[in-house]
Amino acid sequence: MKVGDLIRFMPNWVRTDWTNPAVVIERYPPPDEELWVVYRDGRKEVIEEKNYEIKLLSSVKCQENVNND
């Protein structure tokens, strides 16, 4: 999972339906790098990879250091 990905998730401690799609907008810095901020249904939420089942719907491919010369 990375910033820009479109995901759905559900807590793994209780069975519920998958959430509406959410966009991953931020990853916490160390030592909390397993925490992610997602934007879903008009609000920000924090999820943690070890406590949520996560389904990747779409992944963003990023190109760094692209030179258009």
Protein backbone atom coordinates (compact mmCIF):
# COMPACT_ATOMS: atom_id res chain seq x y z
CA MET A 1 0.00 0.00 0.00
CA LYS A 2 1.23 3.50 -0.79
CA VAL A 3 0.03 7.09 -0.98
CA GLY A 4 -2.39 7.49 -3.88
CA ASP A 5 -3.75 3.94 -3.78
CA LEU A 6 -7.49 3.35 -3.77
CA ILE A 7 -8.47 0.79 -1.13
CA ARG A 8 -11.32 -0.69 0.85
CA PHE A 9 -10.85 -1.97 4.37
CA MET A 10 -12.53 -3.61 7.34
CA PRO A 11 -11.36 -4.20 10.89
CA ASN A 12 -10.02 -7.70 11.47
CA TRP A 13 -11.31 -7.87 15.06
CA VAL A 14 -14.97 -7.86 13.98
CA ARG A 15 -16.62 -8.97 10.77
CA THR A 16 -18.30 -6.12 8.94
CA ASP A 17 -18.79 -5.15 5.33
CA TRP A 18 -15.98 -3.57 3.37
CA THR A 19 -15.89 0.21 3.58
CA ASN A 20 -16.61 2.50 0.69
CA PRO A 21 -13.48 3.17 -1.39
CA ALA A 22 -10.84 5.32 0.29
CA VAL A 23 -7.76 7.11 -1.04
CA VAL A 24 -4.51 6.70 0.89
CA ILE A 25 -3.26 10.25 1.48
CA GLU A 26 -0.47 9.94 4.02
CA ARG A 27 1.81 7.51 5.84
CA TYR A 28 2.98 8.27 9.37
CA PRO A 29 6.75 8.64 9.84
CA PRO A 30 8.78 6.20 11.97
CA PRO A 31 8.24 4.79 14.49
CA ASP A 32 4.55 4.78 13.46
CA GLU A 33 4.99 3.86 9.79
CA GLU A 34 2.31 1.17 9.99
CA LEU A 35 -0.31 3.92 10.37
CA TRP A 36 -1.94 5.36 7.26
CA VAL A 37 -4.29 8.30 6.75
CA VAL A 38 -7.08 7.66 4.27
CA TYR A 39 -9.83 9.91 2.91
CA ARG A 40 -13.25 8.29 2.76
CA ASP A 41 -16.79 9.61 2.69
CA GLY A 42 -15.65 13.22 3.14
CA ARG A 43 -13.42 12.69 6.15
CA LYS A 44 -9.92 11.55 7.12
CA GLU A 45 -9.40 8.31 9.04
CA VAL A 46 -6.33 6.55 10.40
CA ILE A 47 -5.95 2.84 9.78
CA GLU A 48 -3.27 0.39 10.80
CA GLU A 49 -2.20 -2.47 8.54
CA LYS A 50 -2.07 -5.08 11.30
CA ASN A 51 -5.60 -4.35 12.57
CA TYR A 52 -7.42 -4.04 9.25
CA GLU A 53 -7.94 -6.28 6.29
CA ILE A 54 -7.11 -4.13 3.26
CA LYS A 55 -8.22 -4.70 -0.32
CA LEU A 56 -6.29 -2.80 -3.01
CA LEU A 57 -8.66 -1.53 -5.69
CA SER A 58 -6.25 0.55 -7.74
CA SER A 59 -2.60 1.41 -7.42
CA VAL A 60 -0.91 4.59 -8.57
CA LYS A 61 2.33 4.27 -10.48
CA CYS A 62 4.66 7.17 -9.77
CA GLN A 63 7.68 8.11 -11.80
CA GLU A 64 10.35 10.06 -10.02
CA ASN A 65 13.10 12.12 -11.59
CA VAL A 66 11.52 12.17 -15.03
CA ASN A 67 13.44 14.35 -17.47
CA ASN A 68 11.33 15.59 -20.37
CA ASP A 69 14.24 16.95 -22.47
